[in-house]
């Protein structure tokens, strides 16, 4: 058995969870935040039989997308004058960890 921990951008979280449910995966969904822009994420925890890991990861991959987010930035020159700009930062997608489960019990 494996434990899949998937940190998914909030914009993709519902789509990923819907597709995992359609494929009969059971999981726990937790609202989380973090990363460079401190934006919201969804963390999904799943105990999965070894033979189903690839299928679960494929669903997560197929339903998570990276996108460019426009964020304001401020820079200062040598005279300490501020210059304001908007730059693009890639966000989204998913980070997936697959770990061995040493012990499992459900009661």
PDB file of N, CA and C in Angstrom:
ATOM      1  N   UNK A   1       0.842  -1.179   0.000  1.00  0.00           N
ATOM      2  CA  UNK A   1       0.000   0.000   0.000  1.00  0.00           C
ATOM      3  C   UNK A   1       0.883   1.237   0.000  1.00  0.00           C
ATOM      4  N   UNK A   2       0.392   2.295  -0.643  1.00  0.00           N
ATOM      5  CA  UNK A   2       1.095   3.581  -0.733  1.00  0.00           C
ATOM      6  C   UNK A   2       0.205   4.690  -0.200  1.00  0.00           C
ATOM      7  N   UNK A   3       0.851   5.737   0.272  1.00  0.00           N
ATOM      8  CA  UNK A   3       0.153   6.970   0.663  1.00  0.00           C
ATOM      9  C   UNK A   3       0.495   8.007  -0.382  1.00  0.00           C
ATOM     10  N   UNK A   4      -0.512   8.536  -1.042  1.00  0.00           N
ATOM     11  CA  UNK A   4      -0.318   9.622  -2.000  1.00  0.00           C
ATOM     12  C   UNK A   4      -0.710  10.914  -1.310  1.00  0.00           C
ATOM     13  N   UNK A   5       0.212  11.858  -1.299  1.00  0.00           N
ATOM     14  CA  UNK A   5      -0.043  13.205  -0.801  1.00  0.00           C
ATOM     15  C   UNK A   5       0.097  14.126  -1.998  1.00  0.00           C
ATOM     16  N   UNK A   6      -0.986  14.766  -2.398  1.00  0.00           N
ATOM     17  CA  UNK A   6      -0.979  15.633  -3.578  1.00  0.00           C
ATOM     18  C   UNK A   6      -1.365  17.044  -3.164  1.00  0.00           C
ATOM     19  N   UNK A   7      -0.486  17.994  -3.431  1.00  0.00           N
ATOM     20  CA  UNK A   7      -0.766  19.408  -3.162  1.00  0.00           C
ATOM     21  C   UNK A   7      -1.156  20.028  -4.495  1.00  0.00           C
ATOM     22  N   UNK A   8      -2.396  20.481  -4.584  1.00  0.00           N
ATOM     23  CA  UNK A   8      -2.993  20.891  -5.851  1.00  0.00           C
ATOM     24  C   UNK A   8      -3.459  22.335  -5.751  1.00  0.00           C
ATOM     25  N   UNK A   9      -3.228  23.106  -6.801  1.00  0.00           N
ATOM     26  CA  UNK A   9      -3.701  24.488  -6.836  1.00  0.00           C
ATOM     27  C   UNK A   9      -5.211  24.517  -6.636  1.00  0.00           C
ATOM     28  N   UNK A  10      -5.687  25.498  -5.868  1.00  0.00           N
ATOM     29  CA  UNK A  10      -7.117  25.583  -5.532  1.00  0.00           C
ATOM     30  C   UNK A  10      -8.009  25.634  -6.762  1.00  0.00           C
ATOM     31  N   UNK A  11      -7.511  26.201  -7.860  1.00  0.00           N
ATOM     32  CA  UNK A  11      -8.333  26.296  -9.072  1.00  0.00           C
ATOM     33  C   UNK A  11      -8.547  24.929  -9.717  1.00  0.00           C
ATOM     34  N   UNK A  12      -7.684  23.980  -9.418  1.00  0.00           N
ATOM     35  CA  UNK A  12      -7.799  22.637  -9.982  1.00  0.00           C
ATOM     36  C   UNK A  12      -8.358  21.624  -8.985  1.00  0.00           C
ATOM     37  N   UNK A  13      -8.432  21.999  -7.719  1.00  0.00           N
ATOM     38  CA  UNK A  13      -8.785  21.057  -6.662  1.00  0.00           C
ATOM     39  C   UNK A  13     -10.113  20.351  -6.863  1.00  0.00           C
ATOM     40  N   UNK A  14     -11.170  21.089  -7.163  1.00  0.00           N
ATOM     41  CA  UNK A  14     -12.481  20.453  -7.337  1.00  0.00           C
ATOM     42  C   UNK A  14     -12.501  19.492  -8.520  1.00  0.00           C
ATOM     43  N   UNK A  15     -11.880  19.888  -9.619  1.00  0.00           N
ATOM     44  CA  UNK A  15     -11.852  19.021 -10.803  1.00  0.00           C
ATOM     45  C   UNK A  15     -11.109  17.716 -10.493  1.00  0.00           C
ATOM     46  N   UNK A  16      -9.947  17.817  -9.830  1.00  0.00           N
ATOM     47  CA  UNK A  16      -9.184  16.617  -9.469  1.00  0.00           C
ATOM     48  C   UNK A  16     -10.022  15.722  -8.547  1.00  0.00           C
ATOM     49  N   UNK A  17     -10.622  16.300  -7.519  1.00  0.00           N
ATOM     50  CA  UNK A  17     -11.410  15.515  -6.569  1.00  0.00           C
ATOM     51  C   UNK A  17     -12.618  14.862  -7.232  1.00  0.00           C
ATOM     52  N   UNK A  18     -13.270  15.560  -8.142  1.00  0.00           N
ATOM     53  CA  UNK A  18     -14.406  14.976  -8.860  1.00  0.00           C
ATOM     54  C   UNK A  18     -13.980  13.763  -9.688  1.00  0.00           C
ATOM     55  N   UNK A  19     -12.852  13.895 -10.364  1.00  0.00           N
ATOM     56  CA  UNK A  19     -12.377  12.791 -11.207  1.00  0.00           C
ATOM     57  C   UNK A  19     -11.890  11.612 -10.363  1.00  0.00           C
ATOM     58  N   UNK A  20     -11.246  11.881  -9.234  1.00  0.00           N
ATOM     59  CA  UNK A  20     -10.848  10.792  -8.335  1.00  0.00           C
ATOM     60  C   UNK A  20     -12.076  10.063  -7.794  1.00  0.00           C
ATOM     61  N   UNK A  21     -13.122  10.814  -7.460  1.00  0.00           N
ATOM     62  CA  UNK A  21     -14.362  10.204  -6.970  1.00  0.00           C
ATOM     63  C   UNK A  21     -15.004   9.335  -8.054  1.00  0.00           C
ATOM     64  N   UNK A  22     -15.041   9.832  -9.292  1.00  0.00           N
ATOM     65  CA  UNK A  22     -15.599   9.047 -10.401  1.00  0.00           C
ATOM     66  C   UNK A  22     -14.857   7.735 -10.584  1.00  0.00           C
ATOM     67  N   UNK A  23     -13.549   7.735 -10.293  1.00  0.00           N
ATOM     68  CA  UNK A  23     -12.731   6.535 -10.449  1.00  0.00           C
ATOM     69  C   UNK A  23     -12.736   5.678  -9.175  1.00  0.00           C
ATOM     70  N   UNK A  24     -13.617   6.013  -8.236  1.00  0.00           N
ATOM     71  CA  UNK A  24     -13.811   5.251  -6.996  1.00  0.00           C
ATOM     72  C   UNK A  24     -12.627   5.296  -6.030  1.00  0.00           C
ATOM     73  N   UNK A  25     -11.847   6.356  -6.080  1.00  0.00           N
ATOM     74  CA  UNK A  25     -10.799   6.544  -5.090  1.00  0.00           C
ATOM     75  C   UNK A  25     -11.403   7.217  -3.864  1.00  0.00           C
ATOM     76  N   UNK A  26     -10.934   6.836  -2.702  1.00  0.00           N
ATOM     77  CA  UNK A  26     -11.358   7.438  -1.441  1.00  0.00           C
ATOM     78  C   UNK A  26     -10.193   8.280  -0.942  1.00  0.00           C
ATOM     79  N   UNK A  27     -10.480   9.496  -0.495  1.00  0.00           N
ATOM     80  CA  UNK A  27      -9.407  10.408  -0.108  1.00  0.00           C
ATOM     81  C   UNK A  27      -9.893  11.383   0.943  1.00  0.00           C
ATOM     82  N   UNK A  28      -8.950  12.070   1.549  1.00  0.00           N
ATOM     83  CA  UNK A  28      -9.242  13.171   2.464  1.00  0.00           C
ATOM     84  C   UNK A  28      -8.729  14.436   1.817  1.00  0.00           C
ATOM     85  N   UNK A  29      -9.566  15.461   1.788  1.00  0.00           N
ATOM     86  CA  UNK A  29      -9.210  16.746   1.181  1.00  0.00           C
ATOM     87  C   UNK A  29      -9.052  17.777   2.288  1.00  0.00           C
ATOM     88  N   UNK A  30      -7.923  18.493   2.255  1.00  0.00           N
ATOM     89  CA  UNK A  30      -7.636  19.509   3.268  1.00  0.00           C
ATOM     90  C   UNK A  30      -7.329  20.823   2.563  1.00  0.00           C
ATOM     91  N   UNK A  31      -7.926  21.912   3.015  1.00  0.00           N
ATOM     92  CA  UNK A  31      -7.603  23.240   2.485  1.00  0.00           C
ATOM     93  C   UNK A  31      -6.268  23.678   3.091  1.00  0.00           C
ATOM     94  N   UNK A  32      -5.301  24.038   2.237  1.00  0.00           N
ATOM     95  CA  UNK A  32      -3.980  24.456   2.693  1.00  0.00           C
ATOM     96  C   UNK A  32      -3.555  25.700   1.934  1.00  0.00           C
ATOM     97  N   UNK A  33      -2.476  26.314   2.370  1.00  0.00           N
ATOM     98  CA  UNK A  33      -1.923  27.454   1.644  1.00  0.00           C
ATOM     99  C   UNK A  33      -0.417  27.415   1.763  1.00  0.00           C
ATOM    100  N   UNK A  34       0.224  28.148   0.884  1.00  0.00           N
ATOM    101  CA  UNK A  34       1.682  28.194   0.927  1.00  0.00           C
ATOM    102  C   UNK A  34       2.241  28.513  -0.434  1.00  0.00           C
ATOM    103  N   UNK A  35       3.518  28.331  -0.564  1.00  0.00           N
ATOM    104  CA  UNK A  35       4.178  28.596  -1.824  1.00  0.00           C
ATOM    105  C   UNK A  35       4.583  30.040  -1.956  1.00  0.00           C
ATOM    106  N   UNK A  36       5.113  30.368  -3.100  1.00  0.00           N
ATOM    107  CA  UNK A  36       5.671  31.687  -3.370  1.00  0.00           C
ATOM    108  C   UNK A  36       4.650  32.799  -3.189  1.00  0.00           C
ATOM    109  N   UNK A  37       3.435  32.605  -3.680  1.00  0.00           N
ATOM    110  CA  UNK A  37       2.424  33.654  -3.624  1.00  0.00           C
ATOM    111  C   UNK A  37       1.456  33.473  -2.460  1.00  0.00           C
ATOM    112  N   UNK A  38       1.682  32.485  -1.615  1.00  0.00           N
ATOM    113  CA  UNK A  38       0.832  32.221  -0.449  1.00  0.00           C
ATOM    114  C   UNK A  38      -0.627  32.012  -0.842  1.00  0.00           C
ATOM    115  N   UNK A  39      -0.835  31.400  -1.989  1.00  0.00           N
ATOM    116  CA  UNK A  39      -2.192  31.173  -2.467  1.00  0.00           C
ATOM    117  C   UNK A  39      -2.752  29.872  -1.923  1.00  0.00           C
ATOM    118  N   UNK A  40      -4.048  29.721  -2.035  1.00  0.00           N
ATOM    119  CA  UNK A  40      -4.714  28.535  -1.532  1.00  0.00           C
ATOM    120  C   UNK A  40      -4.431  27.299  -2.364  1.00  0.00           C
ATOM    121  N   UNK A  41      -4.354  26.195  -1.667  1.00  0.00           N
ATOM    122  CA  UNK A  41      -4.171  24.888  -2.282  1.00  0.00           C
ATOM    123  C   UNK A  41      -5.179  23.927  -1.693  1.00  0.00           C
ATOM    124  N   UNK A  42      -5.248  22.762  -2.288  1.00  0.00           N
ATOM    125  CA  UNK A  42      -5.978  21.638  -1.737  1.00  0.00           C
ATOM    126  C   UNK A  42      -4.950  20.530  -1.588  1.00  0.00           C
ATOM    127  N   UNK A  43      -4.875  19.945  -0.398  1.00  0.00           N
ATOM    128  CA  UNK A  43      -3.993  18.799  -0.204  1.00  0.00           C
ATOM    129  C   UNK A  43      -4.874  17.566  -0.090  1.00  0.00           C
ATOM    130  N   UNK A  44      -4.589  16.579  -0.928  1.00  0.00           N
ATOM    131  CA  UNK A  44      -5.354  15.341  -0.976  1.00  0.00           C
ATOM    132  C   UNK A  44      -4.477  14.229  -0.408  1.00  0.00           C
ATOM    133  N   UNK A  45      -5.032  13.477   0.554  1.00  0.00           N
ATOM    134  CA  UNK A  45      -4.348  12.328   1.143  1.00  0.00           C
ATOM    135  C   UNK A  45      -5.110  11.075   0.745  1.00  0.00           C
ATOM    136  N   UNK A  46      -4.389  10.084   0.183  1.00  0.00           N
ATOM    137  CA  UNK A  46      -5.040   8.864  -0.295  1.00  0.00           C
ATOM    138  C   UNK A  46      -4.200   7.649   0.048  1.00  0.00           C
ATOM    139  N   UNK A  47      -4.808   6.660   0.655  1.00  0.00           N
ATOM    140  CA  UNK A  47      -4.186   5.352   0.782  1.00  0.00           C
ATOM    141  C   UNK A  47      -4.595   4.533  -0.430  1.00  0.00           C
ATOM    142  N   UNK A  48      -3.597   4.024  -1.182  1.00  0.00           N
ATOM    143  CA  UNK A  48      -3.884   3.379  -2.464  1.00  0.00           C
ATOM    144  C   UNK A  48      -3.095   2.072  -2.567  1.00  0.00           C
ATOM    145  N   UNK A  49      -3.747   1.040  -3.089  1.00  0.00           N
ATOM    146  CA  UNK A  49      -3.030  -0.199  -3.382  1.00  0.00           C
ATOM    147  C   UNK A  49      -1.933   0.079  -4.406  1.00  0.00           C
ATOM    148  N   UNK A  50      -0.833  -0.633  -4.293  1.00  0.00           N
ATOM    149  CA  UNK A  50       0.312  -0.409  -5.182  1.00  0.00           C
ATOM    150  C   UNK A  50      -0.073  -0.407  -6.666  1.00  0.00           C
ATOM    151  N   UNK A  51      -0.969  -1.300  -7.047  1.00  0.00           N
ATOM    152  CA  UNK A  51      -1.355  -1.432  -8.458  1.00  0.00           C
ATOM    153  C   UNK A  51      -2.147  -0.237  -8.971  1.00  0.00           C
ATOM    154  N   UNK A  52      -2.697   0.596  -8.076  1.00  0.00           N
ATOM    155  CA  UNK A  52      -3.535   1.725  -8.494  1.00  0.00           C
ATOM    156  C   UNK A  52      -2.827   3.075  -8.436  1.00  0.00           C
ATOM    157  N   UNK A  53      -1.573   3.084  -8.013  1.00  0.00           N
ATOM    158  CA  UNK A  53      -0.847   4.356  -7.870  1.00  0.00           C
ATOM    159  C   UNK A  53      -0.759   5.092  -9.197  1.00  0.00           C
ATOM    160  N   UNK A  54      -0.349   4.408 -10.246  1.00  0.00           N
ATOM    161  CA  UNK A  54      -0.195   5.070 -11.553  1.00  0.00           C
ATOM    162  C   UNK A  54      -1.514   5.663 -12.041  1.00  0.00           C
ATOM    163  N   UNK A  55      -2.601   4.960 -11.813  1.00  0.00           N
ATOM    164  CA  UNK A  55      -3.920   5.446 -12.236  1.00  0.00           C
ATOM    165  C   UNK A  55      -4.305   6.715 -11.474  1.00  0.00           C
ATOM    166  N   UNK A  56      -4.076   6.719 -10.168  1.00  0.00           N
ATOM    167  CA  UNK A  56      -4.410   7.892  -9.356  1.00  0.00           C
ATOM    168  C   UNK A  56      -3.546   9.089  -9.748  1.00  0.00           C
ATOM    169  N   UNK A  57      -2.255   8.869  -9.931  1.00  0.00           N
ATOM    170  CA  UNK A  57      -1.350   9.966 -10.307  1.00  0.00           C
ATOM    171  C   UNK A  57      -1.721  10.516 -11.677  1.00  0.00           C
ATOM    172  N   UNK A  58      -2.121   9.638 -12.595  1.00  0.00           N
ATOM    173  CA  UNK A  58      -2.527  10.103 -13.931  1.00  0.00           C
ATOM    174  C   UNK A  58      -3.748  11.018 -13.840  1.00  0.00           C
ATOM    175  N   UNK A  59      -4.718  10.662 -13.009  1.00  0.00           N
ATOM    176  CA  UNK A  59      -5.898  11.514 -12.836  1.00  0.00           C
ATOM    177  C   UNK A  59      -5.494  12.881 -12.300  1.00  0.00           C
ATOM    178  N   UNK A  60      -4.609  12.890 -11.318  1.00  0.00           N
ATOM    179  CA  UNK A  60      -4.152  14.166 -10.752  1.00  0.00           C
ATOM    180  C   UNK A  60      -3.419  14.978 -11.816  1.00  0.00           C
ATOM    181  N   UNK A  61      -2.520  14.335 -12.565  1.00  0.00           N
ATOM    182  CA  UNK A  61      -1.749  15.032 -13.600  1.00  0.00           C
ATOM    183  C   UNK A  61      -2.650  15.584 -14.702  1.00  0.00           C
ATOM    184  N   UNK A  62      -3.603  14.782 -15.144  1.00  0.00           N
ATOM    185  CA  UNK A  62      -4.473  15.178 -16.257  1.00  0.00           C
ATOM    186  C   UNK A  62      -5.431  16.314 -15.898  1.00  0.00           C
ATOM    187  N   UNK A  63      -5.658  16.524 -14.606  1.00  0.00           N
ATOM    188  CA  UNK A  63      -6.631  17.525 -14.183  1.00  0.00           C
ATOM    189  C   UNK A  63      -6.018  18.696 -13.427  1.00  0.00           C
ATOM    190  N   UNK A  64      -4.700  18.801 -13.476  1.00  0.00           N
ATOM    191  CA  UNK A  64      -3.982  19.921 -12.850  1.00  0.00           C
ATOM    192  C   UNK A  64      -3.209  20.651 -13.934  1.00  0.00           C
ATOM    193  N   UNK A  65      -3.341  21.955 -13.972  1.00  0.00           N
ATOM    194  CA  UNK A  65      -2.695  22.727 -15.032  1.00  0.00           C
ATOM    195  C   UNK A  65      -1.849  23.845 -14.436  1.00  0.00           C
ATOM    196  N   UNK A  66      -0.745  24.133 -15.095  1.00  0.00           N
ATOM    197  CA  UNK A  66       0.013  25.323 -14.716  1.00  0.00           C
ATOM    198  C   UNK A  66      -0.534  26.490 -15.524  1.00  0.00           C
ATOM    199  N   UNK A  67      -0.452  27.660 -14.947  1.00  0.00           N
ATOM    200  CA  UNK A  67      -0.946  28.861 -15.631  1.00  0.00           C
ATOM    201  C   UNK A  67      -0.106  30.039 -15.187  1.00  0.00           C
ATOM    202  N   UNK A  68      -0.115  31.080 -15.987  1.00  0.00           N
ATOM    203  CA  UNK A  68       0.624  32.277 -15.629  1.00  0.00           C
ATOM    204  C   UNK A  68      -0.282  33.210 -14.831  1.00  0.00           C
ATOM    205  N   UNK A  69       0.201  33.614 -13.669  1.00  0.00           N
ATOM    206  CA  UNK A  69      -0.522  34.545 -12.797  1.00  0.00           C
ATOM    207  C   UNK A  69       0.190  35.893 -12.884  1.00  0.00           C
ATOM    208  N   UNK A  70      -0.569  36.945 -13.103  1.00  0.00           N
ATOM    209  CA  UNK A  70       0.008  38.288 -13.176  1.00  0.00           C
ATOM    210  C   UNK A  70       0.053  38.870 -11.770  1.00  0.00           C
ATOM    211  N   UNK A  71       1.241  39.261 -11.336  1.00  0.00           N
ATOM    212  CA  UNK A  71       1.403  39.808  -9.985  1.00  0.00           C
ATOM    213  C   UNK A  71       2.142  41.136 -10.062  1.00  0.00           C
ATOM    214  N   UNK A  72       1.741  42.085  -9.218  1.00  0.00           N
ATOM    215  CA  UNK A  72       2.454  43.369  -9.188  1.00  0.00           C
ATOM    216  C   UNK A  72       3.792  43.196  -8.476  1.00  0.00           C
ATOM    217  N   UNK A  73       4.766  43.949  -8.924  1.00  0.00           N
ATOM    218  CA  UNK A  73       6.063  43.936  -8.252  1.00  0.00           C
ATOM    219  C   UNK A  73       6.573  45.368  -8.155  1.00  0.00           C
ATOM    220  N   UNK A  74       7.382  45.606  -7.160  1.00  0.00           N
ATOM    221  CA  UNK A  74       7.950  46.926  -6.924  1.00  0.00           C
ATOM    222  C   UNK A  74       9.463  46.788  -6.900  1.00  0.00           C
ATOM    223  N   UNK A  75      10.125  47.639  -7.627  1.00  0.00           N
ATOM    224  CA  UNK A  75      11.588  47.693  -7.571  1.00  0.00           C
ATOM    225  C   UNK A  75      12.008  49.108  -7.217  1.00  0.00           C
ATOM    226  N   UNK A  76      13.166  49.221  -6.627  1.00  0.00           N
ATOM    227  CA  UNK A  76      13.689  50.529  -6.244  1.00  0.00           C
ATOM    228  C   UNK A  76      15.016  50.752  -6.947  1.00  0.00           C
ATOM    229  N   UNK A  77      15.223  51.977  -7.460  1.00  0.00           N
ATOM    230  CA  UNK A  77      16.499  52.293  -8.094  1.00  0.00           C
ATOM    231  C   UNK A  77      17.444  52.896  -7.054  1.00  0.00           C
ATOM    232  N   UNK A  78      18.610  53.327  -7.512  1.00  0.00           N
ATOM    233  CA  UNK A  78      19.622  53.850  -6.589  1.00  0.00           C
ATOM    234  C   UNK A  78      19.185  55.127  -5.857  1.00  0.00           C
ATOM    235  N   UNK A  79      18.183  55.819  -6.363  1.00  0.00           N
ATOM    236  CA  UNK A  79      17.677  57.016  -5.680  1.00  0.00           C
ATOM    237  C   UNK A  79      16.504  56.665  -4.755  1.00  0.00           C
ATOM    238  N   UNK A  80      16.249  55.386  -4.604  1.00  0.00           N
ATOM    239  CA  UNK A  80      15.172  54.868  -3.759  1.00  0.00           C
ATOM    240  C   UNK A  80      13.784  55.223  -4.296  1.00  0.00           C
ATOM    241  N   UNK A  81      13.701  55.502  -5.592  1.00  0.00           N
ATOM    242  CA  UNK A  81      12.409  55.732  -6.228  1.00  0.00           C
ATOM    243  C   UNK A  81      11.801  54.373  -6.580  1.00  0.00           C
ATOM    244  N   UNK A  82      10.528  54.264  -6.358  1.00  0.00           N
ATOM    245  CA  UNK A  82       9.845  53.007  -6.628  1.00  0.00           C
ATOM    246  C   UNK A  82       9.380  52.956  -8.078  1.00  0.00           C
ATOM    247  N   UNK A  83       9.528  51.798  -8.666  1.00  0.00           N
ATOM    248  CA  UNK A  83       8.999  51.543 -10.005  1.00  0.00           C
ATOM    249  C   UNK A  83       8.052  50.351  -9.883  1.00  0.00           C
ATOM    250  N   UNK A  84       6.860  50.519 -10.386  1.00  0.00           N
ATOM    251  CA  UNK A  84       5.851  49.469 -10.291  1.00  0.00           C
ATOM    252  C   UNK A  84       5.722  48.773 -11.633  1.00  0.00           C
ATOM    253  N   UNK A  85       5.595  47.462 -11.580  1.00  0.00           N
ATOM    254  CA  UNK A  85       5.465  46.675 -12.798  1.00  0.00           C
ATOM    255  C   UNK A  85       4.567  45.474 -12.506  1.00  0.00           C
ATOM    256  N   UNK A  86       4.126  44.858 -13.559  1.00  0.00           N
ATOM    257  CA  UNK A  86       3.367  43.619 -13.436  1.00  0.00           C
ATOM    258  C   UNK A  86       4.175  42.553 -14.156  1.00  0.00           C
ATOM    259  N   UNK A  87       4.401  41.459 -13.468  1.00  0.00           N
ATOM    260  CA  UNK A  87       5.156  40.380 -14.091  1.00  0.00           C
ATOM    261  C   UNK A  87       4.370  39.085 -13.996  1.00  0.00           C
ATOM    262  N   UNK A  88       4.723  38.137 -14.827  1.00  0.00           N
ATOM    263  CA  UNK A  88       4.040  36.852 -14.844  1.00  0.00           C
ATOM    264  C   UNK A  88       4.815  35.817 -14.051  1.00  0.00           C
ATOM    265  N   UNK A  89       4.089  35.022 -13.271  1.00  0.00           N
ATOM    266  CA  UNK A  89       4.671  33.944 -12.485  1.00  0.00           C
ATOM    267  C   UNK A  89       3.876  32.684 -12.779  1.00  0.00           C
ATOM    268  N   UNK A  90       4.568  31.575 -13.025  1.00  0.00           N
ATOM    269  CA  UNK A  90       3.881  30.309 -13.279  1.00  0.00           C
ATOM    270  C   UNK A  90       3.392  29.724 -11.956  1.00  0.00           C
ATOM    271  N   UNK A  91       2.105  29.401 -11.888  1.00  0.00           N
ATOM    272  CA  UNK A  91       1.498  28.806 -10.704  1.00  0.00           C
ATOM    273  C   UNK A  91       0.657  27.611 -11.139  1.00  0.00           C
ATOM    274  N   UNK A  92       0.174  26.892 -10.179  1.00  0.00           N
ATOM    275  CA  UNK A  92      -0.734  25.797 -10.481  1.00  0.00           C
ATOM    276  C   UNK A  92      -0.026  24.469 -10.592  1.00  0.00           C
ATOM    277  N   UNK A  93      -0.725  23.541 -11.194  1.00  0.00           N
ATOM    278  CA  UNK A  93      -0.198  22.194 -11.274  1.00  0.00           C
ATOM    279  C   UNK A  93      -0.368  21.485  -9.945  1.00  0.00           C
ATOM    280  N   UNK A  94       0.405  20.453  -9.750  1.00  0.00           N
ATOM    281  CA  UNK A  94       0.333  19.686  -8.517  1.00  0.00           C
ATOM    282  C   UNK A  94       1.713  19.183  -8.150  1.00  0.00           C
ATOM    283  N   UNK A  95       1.921  19.016  -6.868  1.00  0.00           N
ATOM    284  CA  UNK A  95       3.112  18.353  -6.352  1.00  0.00           C
ATOM    285  C   UNK A  95       2.625  17.084  -5.682  1.00  0.00           C
ATOM    286  N   UNK A  96       3.169  15.945  -6.118  1.00  0.00           N
ATOM    287  CA  UNK A  96       2.675  14.650  -5.651  1.00  0.00           C
ATOM    288  C   UNK A  96       3.809  13.879  -4.977  1.00  0.00           C
ATOM    289  N   UNK A  97       3.534  13.383  -3.789  1.00  0.00           N
ATOM    290  CA  UNK A  97       4.463  12.525  -3.059  1.00  0.00           C
ATOM    291  C   UNK A  97       3.816  11.153  -2.923  1.00  0.00           C
ATOM    292  N   UNK A  98       4.578  10.091  -3.182  1.00  0.00           N
ATOM    293  CA  UNK A  98       4.100   8.725  -2.994  1.00  0.00           C
ATOM    294  C   UNK A  98       5.034   8.061  -1.993  1.00  0.00           C
ATOM    295  N   UNK A  99       4.461   7.608  -0.879  1.00  0.00           N
ATOM    296  CA  UNK A  99       5.249   7.023   0.206  1.00  0.00           C
ATOM    297  C   UNK A  99       4.769   5.611   0.510  1.00  0.00           C
ATOM    298  N   UNK A 100       5.689   4.764   0.963  1.00  0.00           N
ATOM    299  CA  UNK A 100       5.318   3.442   1.424  1.00  0.00           C
ATOM    300  C   UNK A 100       4.546   3.548   2.731  1.00  0.00           C
ATOM    301  N   UNK A 101       3.527   2.712   2.886  1.00  0.00           N
ATOM    302  CA  UNK A 101       2.781   2.648   4.135  1.00  0.00           C
ATOM    303  C   UNK A 101       3.293   1.442   4.904  1.00  0.00           C
ATOM    304  N   UNK A 102       3.841   1.693   6.065  1.00  0.00           N
ATOM    305  CA  UNK A 102       4.385   0.615   6.891  1.00  0.00           C
ATOM    306  C   UNK A 102       3.273  -0.074   7.669  1.00  0.00           C
ATOM    307  N   UNK A 103       2.318   0.686   8.134  1.00  0.00           N
ATOM    308  CA  UNK A 103       1.224   0.142   8.929  1.00  0.00           C
ATOM    309  C   UNK A 103      -0.071   0.827   8.536  1.00  0.00           C
ATOM    310  N   UNK A 104      -1.139   0.072   8.481  1.00  0.00           N
ATOM    311  CA  UNK A 104      -2.455   0.606   8.141  1.00  0.00           C
ATOM    312  C   UNK A 104      -3.499  -0.125   8.976  1.00  0.00           C
ATOM    313  N   UNK A 105      -4.418   0.600   9.543  1.00  0.00           N
ATOM    314  CA  UNK A 105      -5.523   0.018  10.274  1.00  0.00           C
ATOM    315  C   UNK A 105      -6.719   0.943  10.133  1.00  0.00           C
ATOM    316  N   UNK A 106      -7.889   0.384  10.033  1.00  0.00           N
ATOM    317  CA  UNK A 106      -9.094   1.209   9.931  1.00  0.00           C
ATOM    318  C   UNK A 106     -10.100   0.650  10.932  1.00  0.00           C
ATOM    319  N   UNK A 107     -10.558   1.509  11.834  1.00  0.00           N
ATOM    320  CA  UNK A 107     -11.521   1.057  12.850  1.00  0.00           C
ATOM    321  C   UNK A 107     -12.473   2.165  13.205  1.00  0.00           C
TER     322      UNK A 107
END
